[in-house]
Every structure is written in structure tokens, then in C-alpha cells.
C-alpha atoms as a PDB file:
ATOM      1  CA  MET A   1      23.102 -17.027   3.753  1.00  0.00           C
ATOM      2  CA  LYS A   2      22.403 -16.788   0.071  1.00  0.00           C
ATOM      3  CA  TYR A   3      19.031 -15.182   0.945  1.00  0.00           C
ATOM      4  CA  LEU A   4      21.071 -12.191   2.366  1.00  0.00           C
ATOM      5  CA  TYR A   5      22.998 -11.688  -0.800  1.00  0.00           C
ATOM      6  CA  PHE A   6      22.383  -8.235  -2.337  1.00  0.00           C
ATOM      7  CA  ASP A   7      23.287  -7.448  -6.013  1.00  0.00           C
ATOM      8  CA  PHE A   8      23.312  -3.588  -6.326  1.00  0.00           C
ATOM      9  CA  LYS A   9      23.521  -3.528 -10.104  1.00  0.00           C
ATOM     10  CA  LEU A  10      20.602  -5.946 -10.492  1.00  0.00           C
ATOM     11  CA  PHE A  11      18.719  -3.844  -7.840  1.00  0.00           C
ATOM     12  CA  LEU A  12      19.047  -0.728  -9.945  1.00  0.00           C
ATOM     13  CA  ILE A  13      17.873  -2.527 -13.018  1.00  0.00           C
ATOM     14  CA  LEU A  14      14.888  -4.085 -11.312  1.00  0.00           C
ATOM     15  CA  ALA A  15      13.944  -0.926  -9.458  1.00  0.00           C
ATOM     16  CA  PHE A  16      13.894   1.031 -12.749  1.00  0.00           C
ATOM     17  CA  THR A  17      11.842  -1.773 -14.315  1.00  0.00           C
ATOM     18  CA  PHE A  18       9.316  -1.631 -11.476  1.00  0.00           C
ATOM     19  CA  ILE A  19       8.944   2.057 -12.027  1.00  0.00           C
ATOM     20  CA  ILE A  20       8.245   1.543 -15.709  1.00  0.00           C
ATOM     21  CA  MET A  21       5.910  -1.426 -15.040  1.00  0.00           C
ATOM     22  CA  THR A  22       3.919   0.611 -12.577  1.00  0.00           C
ATOM     23  CA  VAL A  23       3.178   3.193 -15.289  1.00  0.00           C
ATOM     24  CA  ALA A  24       2.565   0.377 -17.936  1.00  0.00           C
ATOM     25  CA  GLY A  25       0.334  -1.545 -15.540  1.00  0.00           C
ATOM     26  CA  THR A  26      -1.677   1.616 -14.752  1.00  0.00           C
ATOM     27  CA  LEU A  27      -2.247   2.545 -18.349  1.00  0.00           C
ATOM     28  CA  SER A  28      -2.935  -0.955 -19.568  1.00  0.00           C
ATOM     29  CA  HIS A  29      -5.540  -1.368 -16.860  1.00  0.00           C
ATOM     30  CA  GLU A  30      -7.298   1.783 -18.030  1.00  0.00           C
ATOM     31  CA  LEU A  31      -7.037   0.512 -21.579  1.00  0.00           C
ATOM     32  CA  GLY A  32      -9.103  -2.489 -20.474  1.00  0.00           C
ATOM     33  CA  HIS A  33     -11.873  -0.243 -19.316  1.00  0.00           C
ATOM     34  CA  TYR A  34     -11.452   1.933 -22.451  1.00  0.00           C
ATOM     35  CA  ALA A  35     -11.733  -0.959 -24.889  1.00  0.00           C
ATOM     36  CA  VAL A  36     -14.975  -2.285 -23.331  1.00  0.00           C
ATOM     37  CA  ALA A  37     -16.451   1.185 -23.252  1.00  0.00           C
ATOM     38  CA  GLU A  38     -15.645   1.864 -26.885  1.00  0.00           C
ATOM     39  CA  TYR A  39     -17.078  -1.581 -27.845  1.00  0.00           C
ATOM     40  CA  LEU A  40     -20.310  -0.752 -26.146  1.00  0.00           C
ATOM     41  CA  GLY A  41     -20.542   2.574 -28.090  1.00  0.00           C
ATOM     42  CA  TYR A  42     -19.346   5.045 -25.481  1.00  0.00           C
ATOM     43  CA  ASP A  43     -17.053   8.036 -26.229  1.00  0.00           C
ATOM     44  CA  ALA A  44     -14.176   7.030 -23.865  1.00  0.00           C
ATOM     45  CA  ARG A  45     -11.160   8.878 -22.836  1.00  0.00           C
ATOM     46  CA  ILE A  46      -8.050   7.891 -20.799  1.00  0.00           C
ATOM     47  CA  ASP A  47      -5.935  10.099 -18.627  1.00  0.00           C
ATOM     48  CA  TYR A  48      -2.889   9.268 -16.502  1.00  0.00           C
ATOM     49  CA  GLN A  49      -4.885   7.429 -13.814  1.00  0.00           C
ATOM     50  CA  SER A  50      -8.419   6.874 -15.026  1.00  0.00           C
ATOM     51  CA  MET A  51     -10.924   6.302 -17.945  1.00  0.00           C
ATOM     52  CA  HIS A  52     -14.096   8.218 -18.213  1.00  0.00           C
ATOM     53  CA  THR A  53     -16.789   8.615 -20.809  1.00  0.00           C
ATOM     54  CA  GLU A  54     -17.741  11.882 -22.377  1.00  0.00           C
ATOM     55  CA  ASN A  55     -20.964  13.191 -23.874  1.00  0.00           C
ATOM     56  CA  ASP A  56     -22.784  10.265 -22.281  1.00  0.00           C
ATOM     57  CA  VAL A  57     -26.272  10.601 -23.760  1.00  0.00           C
ATOM     58  CA  ARG A  58     -27.571   7.570 -21.827  1.00  0.00           C
ATOM     59  CA  ARG A  59     -26.388   8.953 -18.540  1.00  0.00           C
ATOM     60  CA  LYS A  60     -27.866  12.376 -19.297  1.00  0.00           C
ATOM     61  CA  TYR A  61     -31.179  10.810 -20.067  1.00  0.00           C
ATOM     62  CA  LEU A  62     -31.240   8.849 -16.856  1.00  0.00           C
ATOM     63  CA  ASP A  63     -30.173  11.782 -14.789  1.00  0.00           C
ATOM     64  CA  SER A  64     -32.708  14.217 -16.330  1.00  0.00           C
ATOM     65  CA  THR A  65     -35.554  11.736 -16.035  1.00  0.00           C
ATOM     66  CA  PHE A  66     -34.662  10.938 -12.344  1.00  0.00           C
ATOM     67  CA  GLU A  67     -34.545  14.709 -11.604  1.00  0.00           C
ATOM     68  CA  LYS A  68     -37.960  15.148 -13.150  1.00  0.00           C
ATOM     69  CA  TYR A  69     -39.678  12.125 -11.558  1.00  0.00           C
ATOM     70  CA  SER A  70     -37.496  11.388  -8.511  1.00  0.00           C
ATOM     71  CA  PHE A  71     -40.484  10.885  -6.253  1.00  0.00           C
ATOM     72  CA  GLU A  72     -42.151   8.462  -8.573  1.00  0.00           C
ATOM     73  CA  ILE A  73     -38.952   6.521  -9.189  1.00  0.00           C
ATOM     74  CA  LYS A  74     -37.911   6.320  -5.498  1.00  0.00           C
ATOM     75  CA  ASN A  75     -41.441   4.961  -4.692  1.00  0.00           C
ATOM     76  CA  ASN A  76     -41.818   2.755  -7.708  1.00  0.00           C
ATOM     77  CA  LEU A  77     -44.870   4.675  -9.000  1.00  0.00           C
ATOM     78  CA  SER A  78     -45.888   5.069 -12.614  1.00  0.00           C
ATOM     79  CA  PHE A  79     -44.889   8.092 -14.634  1.00  0.00           C
ATOM     80  CA  PRO A  80     -44.621   8.959 -18.313  1.00  0.00           C
ATOM     81  CA  GLY A  81     -41.882   6.898 -19.979  1.00  0.00           C
ATOM     82  CA  LYS A  82     -41.354   4.614 -16.984  1.00  0.00           C
ATOM     83  CA  GLN A  83     -41.006   1.461 -19.174  1.00  0.00           C
ATOM     84  CA  ASN A  84     -38.352   3.110 -21.314  1.00  0.00           C
ATOM     85  CA  TYR A  85     -36.589   4.469 -18.312  1.00  0.00           C
ATOM     86  CA  ASP A  86     -36.472   1.061 -16.577  1.00  0.00           C
ATOM     87  CA  THR A  87     -35.146  -0.560 -19.704  1.00  0.00           C
ATOM     88  CA  LYS A  88     -32.376   2.109 -20.185  1.00  0.00           C
ATOM     89  CA  ARG A  89     -31.451   1.919 -16.540  1.00  0.00           C
ATOM     90  CA  LYS A  90     -30.957  -1.899 -16.782  1.00  0.00           C
ATOM     91  CA  GLU A  91     -28.952  -1.484 -19.887  1.00  0.00           C
ATOM     92  CA  TYR A  92     -26.727   1.227 -18.384  1.00  0.00           C
ATOM     93  CA  ARG A  93     -26.277  -0.855 -15.275  1.00  0.00           C
ATOM     94  CA  SER A  94     -25.175  -3.736 -17.326  1.00  0.00           C
ATOM     95  CA  ASP A  95     -22.704  -1.599 -19.359  1.00  0.00           C
ATOM     96  CA  ARG A  96     -21.191  -0.216 -16.171  1.00  0.00           C
ATOM     97  CA  ILE A  97     -20.657  -3.705 -14.842  1.00  0.00           C
ATOM     98  CA  LYS A  98     -18.804  -4.655 -18.101  1.00  0.00           C
ATOM     99  CA  ILE A  99     -16.789  -1.517 -18.260  1.00  0.00           C
ATOM    100  CA  LEU A 100     -15.781  -1.782 -14.548  1.00  0.00           C
ATOM    101  CA  ALA A 101     -14.800  -5.416 -15.081  1.00  0.00           C
ATOM    102  CA  GLY A 102     -12.613  -4.505 -18.196  1.00  0.00           C
ATOM    103  CA  GLY A 103      -9.790  -3.104 -16.130  1.00  0.00           C
ATOM    104  CA  PRO A 104      -9.337  -5.808 -13.503  1.00  0.00           C
ATOM    105  CA  LEU A 105      -9.896  -8.511 -16.151  1.00  0.00           C
ATOM    106  CA  GLN A 106      -7.164  -7.071 -18.397  1.00  0.00           C
ATOM    107  CA  THR A 107      -4.775  -6.884 -15.397  1.00  0.00           C
ATOM    108  CA  MET A 108      -5.550 -10.433 -14.177  1.00  0.00           C
ATOM    109  CA  ILE A 109      -5.605 -11.995 -17.663  1.00  0.00           C
ATOM    110  CA  THR A 110      -2.113 -10.459 -18.395  1.00  0.00           C
ATOM    111  CA  GLY A 111      -0.836 -11.658 -15.059  1.00  0.00           C
ATOM    112  CA  THR A 112      -2.283 -15.128 -15.486  1.00  0.00           C
ATOM    113  CA  ILE A 113      -0.713 -15.546 -18.999  1.00  0.00           C
ATOM    114  CA  GLY A 114       2.653 -14.548 -17.604  1.00  0.00           C
ATOM    115  CA  PHE A 115       2.358 -16.857 -14.599  1.00  0.00           C
ATOM    116  CA  VAL A 116       1.270 -19.870 -16.533  1.00  0.00           C
ATOM    117  CA  LEU A 117       4.225 -19.422 -18.950  1.00  0.00           C
ATOM    118  CA  LEU A 118       6.526 -18.887 -16.044  1.00  0.00           C
ATOM    119  CA  LEU A 119       5.464 -22.184 -14.352  1.00  0.00           C
ATOM    120  CA  ALA A 120       5.607 -24.057 -17.713  1.00  0.00           C
ATOM    121  CA  TYR A 121       9.107 -23.005 -18.573  1.00  0.00           C
ATOM    122  CA  ARG A 122      10.516 -22.535 -15.012  1.00  0.00           C
ATOM    123  CA  LYS A 123      13.203 -25.169 -15.471  1.00  0.00           C
ATOM    124  CA  LYS A 124      14.614 -23.275 -18.530  1.00  0.00           C
ATOM    125  CA  ILE A 125      14.208 -19.847 -16.858  1.00  0.00           C
ATOM    126  CA  PHE A 126      15.688 -20.304 -13.414  1.00  0.00           C
ATOM    127  CA  SER A 127      19.027 -21.785 -12.523  1.00  0.00           C
ATOM    128  CA  VAL A 128      20.798 -21.999  -9.207  1.00  0.00           C
ATOM    129  CA  ASN A 129      22.210 -18.370  -9.364  1.00  0.00           C
ATOM    130  CA  LYS A 130      20.583 -16.839 -12.428  1.00  0.00           C
ATOM    131  CA  THR A 131      17.227 -15.826 -14.057  1.00  0.00           C
ATOM    132  CA  THR A 132      17.145 -15.477 -17.852  1.00  0.00           C
ATOM    133  CA  VAL A 133      15.912 -12.246 -19.555  1.00  0.00           C
ATOM    134  CA  THR A 134      12.712 -14.248 -20.807  1.00  0.00           C
ATOM    135  CA  GLY A 135      12.304 -15.111 -17.173  1.00  0.00           C
ATOM    136  CA  TRP A 136      12.336 -11.555 -15.949  1.00  0.00           C
ATOM    137  CA  LEU A 137       9.829 -10.602 -18.641  1.00  0.00           C
ATOM    138  CA  LEU A 138       7.392 -13.385 -17.497  1.00  0.00           C
ATOM    139  CA  VAL A 139       7.908 -12.440 -13.785  1.00  0.00           C
ATOM    140  CA  PHE A 140       6.927  -8.822 -14.493  1.00  0.00           C
ATOM    141  CA  CYS A 141       3.897 -10.002 -16.591  1.00  0.00           C
ATOM    142  CA  SER A 142       2.914 -12.308 -13.680  1.00  0.00           C
ATOM    143  CA  LEU A 143       3.248  -9.390 -11.263  1.00  0.00           C
ATOM    144  CA  PHE A 144       0.354  -7.604 -12.877  1.00  0.00           C
ATOM    145  CA  TRP A 145      -1.533  -9.620 -10.219  1.00  0.00           C
ATOM    146  CA  LEU A 146       0.064  -7.481  -7.626  1.00  0.00           C
ATOM    147  CA  ARG A 147      -2.239  -4.621  -8.450  1.00  0.00           C
ATOM    148  CA  GLN A 148      -5.026  -6.762  -6.880  1.00  0.00           C
ATOM    149  CA  THR A 149      -3.018  -7.338  -3.720  1.00  0.00           C
ATOM    150  CA  ALA A 150      -1.850  -3.673  -3.382  1.00  0.00           C
ATOM    151  CA  ASN A 151      -5.364  -2.252  -3.866  1.00  0.00           C
ATOM    152  CA  SER A 152      -6.814  -4.768  -1.365  1.00  0.00           C
ATOM    153  CA  PHE A 153      -4.141  -3.986   1.177  1.00  0.00           C
ATOM    154  CA  MET A 154      -4.510  -0.204   0.841  1.00  0.00           C
ATOM    155  CA  TRP A 155      -8.298  -0.365   1.027  1.00  0.00           C
ATOM    156  CA  THR A 156      -8.143  -2.653   4.156  1.00  0.00           C
ATOM    157  CA  ALA A 157      -5.522  -0.462   5.810  1.00  0.00           C
ATOM    158  CA  GLY A 158      -7.594   2.681   5.045  1.00  0.00           C
ATOM    159  CA  TYR A 159     -10.713   1.089   6.536  1.00  0.00           C
ATOM    160  CA  ILE A 160      -8.778  -0.029   9.631  1.00  0.00           C
ATOM    161  CA  PHE A 161      -7.158   3.328  10.369  1.00  0.00           C
ATOM    162  CA  THR A 162     -10.062   5.677   9.319  1.00  0.00           C
ATOM    163  CA  GLY A 163     -13.184   3.568   9.441  1.00  0.00           C
ATOM    164  CA  GLU A 164     -14.222   4.777   5.988  1.00  0.00           C
ATOM    165  CA  LYS A 165     -15.176   2.337   3.192  1.00  0.00           C
ATOM    166  CA  SER A 166     -13.998   4.105   0.040  1.00  0.00           C
ATOM    167  CA  MET A 167     -15.852   3.005  -3.020  1.00  0.00           C
ATOM    168  CA  ARG A 168     -13.312   4.249  -5.582  1.00  0.00           C
ATOM    169  CA  ALA A 169     -11.741   0.871  -6.436  1.00  0.00           C
ATOM    170  CA  ASP A 170     -13.191  -1.094  -9.373  1.00  0.00           C
ATOM    171  CA  GLU A 171     -13.527  -4.274  -7.269  1.00  0.00           C
ATOM    172  CA  LEU A 172     -15.635  -2.525  -4.720  1.00  0.00           C
ATOM    173  CA  ARG A 173     -17.984  -0.895  -7.190  1.00  0.00           C
ATOM    174  CA  LEU A 174     -18.288  -4.118  -9.024  1.00  0.00           C
ATOM    175  CA  ALA A 175     -19.304  -6.017  -5.849  1.00  0.00           C
ATOM    176  CA  ARG A 176     -21.912  -3.270  -5.127  1.00  0.00           C
ATOM    177  CA  TYR A 177     -23.358  -3.530  -8.681  1.00  0.00           C
ATOM    178  CA  LEU A 178     -23.456  -7.316  -8.353  1.00  0.00           C
ATOM    179  CA  ASP A 179     -24.987  -7.228  -4.862  1.00  0.00           C
ATOM    180  CA  PHE A 180     -21.906  -8.952  -3.330  1.00  0.00           C
ATOM    181  CA  ASN A 181     -20.469  -8.109   0.040  1.00  0.00           C
ATOM    182  CA  ILE A 182     -17.907  -5.285  -0.842  1.00  0.00           C
ATOM    183  CA  TRP A 183     -15.014  -7.395   0.688  1.00  0.00           C
ATOM    184  CA  THR A 184     -15.637 -10.300  -1.708  1.00  0.00           C
ATOM    185  CA  ILE A 185     -13.872  -9.454  -4.964  1.00  0.00           C
ATOM    186  CA  HIS A 186     -11.037  -7.459  -3.691  1.00  0.00           C
ATOM    187  CA  SER A 187     -10.222  -9.807  -0.935  1.00  0.00           C
ATOM    188  CA  ILE A 188     -10.341 -12.995  -3.245  1.00  0.00           C
ATOM    189  CA  THR A 189      -8.217 -11.336  -6.021  1.00  0.00           C
ATOM    190  CA  GLY A 190      -5.862  -9.863  -3.430  1.00  0.00           C
ATOM    191  CA  ILE A 191      -5.199 -13.301  -1.899  1.00  0.00           C
ATOM    192  CA  LEU A 192      -4.611 -14.741  -5.426  1.00  0.00           C
ATOM    193  CA  GLY A 193      -2.087 -11.996  -6.039  1.00  0.00           C
ATOM    194  CA  LEU A 194      -0.292 -13.003  -2.899  1.00  0.00           C
ATOM    195  CA  ILE A 195      -0.176 -16.663  -3.992  1.00  0.00           C
ATOM    196  CA  VAL A 196       1.256 -15.570  -7.341  1.00  0.00           C
ATOM    197  CA  LEU A 197       3.900 -13.504  -5.622  1.00  0.00           C
ATOM    198  CA  PHE A 198       5.054 -16.124  -3.094  1.00  0.00           C
ATOM    199  CA  THR A 199       5.140 -18.791  -5.784  1.00  0.00           C
ATOM    200  CA  ILE A 200       7.443 -16.619  -7.929  1.00  0.00           C
ATOM    201  CA  LEU A 201       9.705 -15.956  -4.800  1.00  0.00           C
ATOM    202  CA  SER A 202       9.920 -19.711  -4.295  1.00  0.00           C
ATOM    203  CA  LEU A 203      11.126 -20.207  -7.862  1.00  0.00           C
ATOM    204  CA  PHE A 204      13.857 -17.489  -7.712  1.00  0.00           C
ATOM    205  CA  PRO A 205      17.456 -18.337  -7.087  1.00  0.00           C
ATOM    206  CA  LYS A 206      18.182 -17.703  -3.448  1.00  0.00           C
ATOM    207  CA  ASN A 207      20.733 -15.069  -4.123  1.00  0.00           C
ATOM    208  CA  GLN A 208      18.246 -12.943  -5.961  1.00  0.00           C
ATOM    209  CA  VAL A 209      15.294 -12.873  -3.541  1.00  0.00           C
ATOM    210  CA  LEU A 210      16.488 -10.011  -1.315  1.00  0.00           C
ATOM    211  CA  THR A 211      17.485  -7.895  -4.251  1.00  0.00           C
ATOM    212  CA  PHE A 212      14.117  -8.581  -6.053  1.00  0.00           C
ATOM    213  CA  ILE A 213      12.061  -7.656  -2.987  1.00  0.00           C
ATOM    214  CA  SER A 214      13.971  -4.537  -2.228  1.00  0.00           C
ATOM    215  CA  ALA A 215      13.805  -3.311  -5.901  1.00  0.00           C
ATOM    216  CA  GLY A 216      10.018  -4.092  -5.808  1.00  0.00           C
ATOM    217  CA  LEU A 217       9.356  -2.019  -2.800  1.00  0.00           C
ATOM    218  CA  VAL A 218      11.516   0.903  -3.890  1.00  0.00           C
ATOM    219  CA  GLY A 219      10.561   0.900  -7.599  1.00  0.00           C
ATOM    220  CA  GLY A 220       6.844   0.308  -6.910  1.00  0.00           C
ATOM    221  CA  ILE A 221       6.662   3.220  -4.422  1.00  0.00           C
ATOM    222  CA  LEU A 222       8.700   5.445  -6.672  1.00  0.00           C
ATOM    223  CA  GLY A 223       6.555   4.512  -9.705  1.00  0.00           C
ATOM    224  CA  PHE A 224       3.378   5.277  -7.807  1.00  0.00           C
ATOM    225  CA  TYR A 225       4.751   8.607  -6.637  1.00  0.00           C
ATOM    226  CA  LEU A 226       6.346   9.722  -9.887  1.00  0.00           C
ATOM    227  CA  TRP A 227       3.439   8.764 -12.175  1.00  0.00           C
ATOM    228  CA  LEU A 228       0.282   9.113 -10.060  1.00  0.00           C
ATOM    229  CA  MET A 229       1.311  11.997  -7.823  1.00  0.00           C
ATOM    230  CA  LYS A 230       3.929  13.916  -9.683  1.00  0.00           C
ATOM    231  CA  PHE A 231       4.307  13.776 -13.435  1.00  0.00           C
ATOM    232  CA  GLY A 232       1.519  11.690 -14.872  1.00  0.00           C
ATOM    233  CA  GLN A 233      -0.987  14.523 -14.697  1.00  0.00           C
ATOM    234  CA  TYR A 234       1.290  16.604 -16.937  1.00  0.00           C
ATOM    235  CA  ILE A 235       2.224  13.859 -19.392  1.00  0.00           C
ATOM    236  CA  LEU A 236      -1.192  12.489 -19.871  1.00  0.00           C
ATOM    237  CA  PRO A 237      -3.800  14.965 -18.455  1.00  0.00           C
END
């Protein structure tokens, strides 16, 4: 019966924390993209839900050249500056892969660090009826992995119900750039996120499991709505 115990005070604290961590997770993910882009020499900018580059001279060169010699490029024919265009195109493609990978890698590395520490110190963190403050911090760091699971779930659900294969997610675009099946990266990382989640649930005191799951659902959905759909666009346009 301990699994049915519900702690309302803990629920409120955890739900609020999930809201904050949804925002923090989103922004830190975009910072991963940003850091790589800046390192590679791009003029990068972050808003409430994405990172993009501005005044991208390389992209402008590729676009203008393609517009001018589209027939030759599509048919692999010679044209003035072809060698330079091919070189710049390969360099740009390599940069895009690195920048795209920066966000998910930041998210998964943060989650992995938290998860490894959580496992290493689990005996000090979890007791029969209680989780320490340090334990909660490591739990929320570990749950950065849930971004992968949530994205994979939403993409799969969208595909099942609409039949459309959206290419907005980083993992899908990465798979396309790397010539992988588009299911590969988001499915594998989504499953890893589930493994992390269920491992954490197995470590929790039984009397905190229901409260934690409830707070995660409420706080995660509220955080998504409040930041990505309601107020984020005004706070960090």
C-alpha cells in the first residue's frame, strides 16, 4: 500500500521544481547548440525555444551559388567555382552536424553525470521513507534524459495519428545528415531515457513514487505550456 501514499506538500514542491527544470532543460539544451555554433565561428542567438545563426555568410554563399547554378549542381556538371562550392558545402554540412549534436549531447551528458552519481551514492541518498536534498538534485539532473523520451514519444504519436514525419527534432535531422534511418537516434535515446526513469523509480522509497510520478506529469505539462506556449516568447523572444 505504500505505493498509493500521496504527499501533497511534496507534490507541490516537486511539481514546481519540474516546471523550473522544464525551462532550465530547454535553455541549457539550446546553450549546447549555441556553444558549438560560436566555437565554429557562427554568430549565434538563443530565444525561448531555439538557437539560430545570424548573418550566416557561408549559408548565403551556398544559397546564391545554388540559385545561379542549380541545374549544374543537381546534375553534377561543371560550373565556375564548383570545387570551392563542393568544399564549402562539405564544411557547412560538417558544421551543421556538430551544431545539431551539441544540444542533445549537452542534455544527455548532464543526465548521465547525474545518473552515475545517483547510482554511486544511492545508499546515502535514499532511505526507507526519505530522499535527501542532494538526492533530489541528482534525480532532476538524471531526468534531463527524459527530453529524449518525451521527444521520441511525441514524434511517434504524431506519426501514428497524422502519418506525417516531422523533421523538426534535432535527432531526426541528425539521422538524415548522417544517412541513418530517421527512427534510429530518437528511438535509441528515447529508450535509454526510459531505462533511466524506471531505474530511478526503482530506487525511490515506495511512499514517494506516486507523488513523484504525479508531480512529474503535472509539472512537466505545465512547464511546457507556460514556457513554450505562453510566456517564454515574451521573456526571451
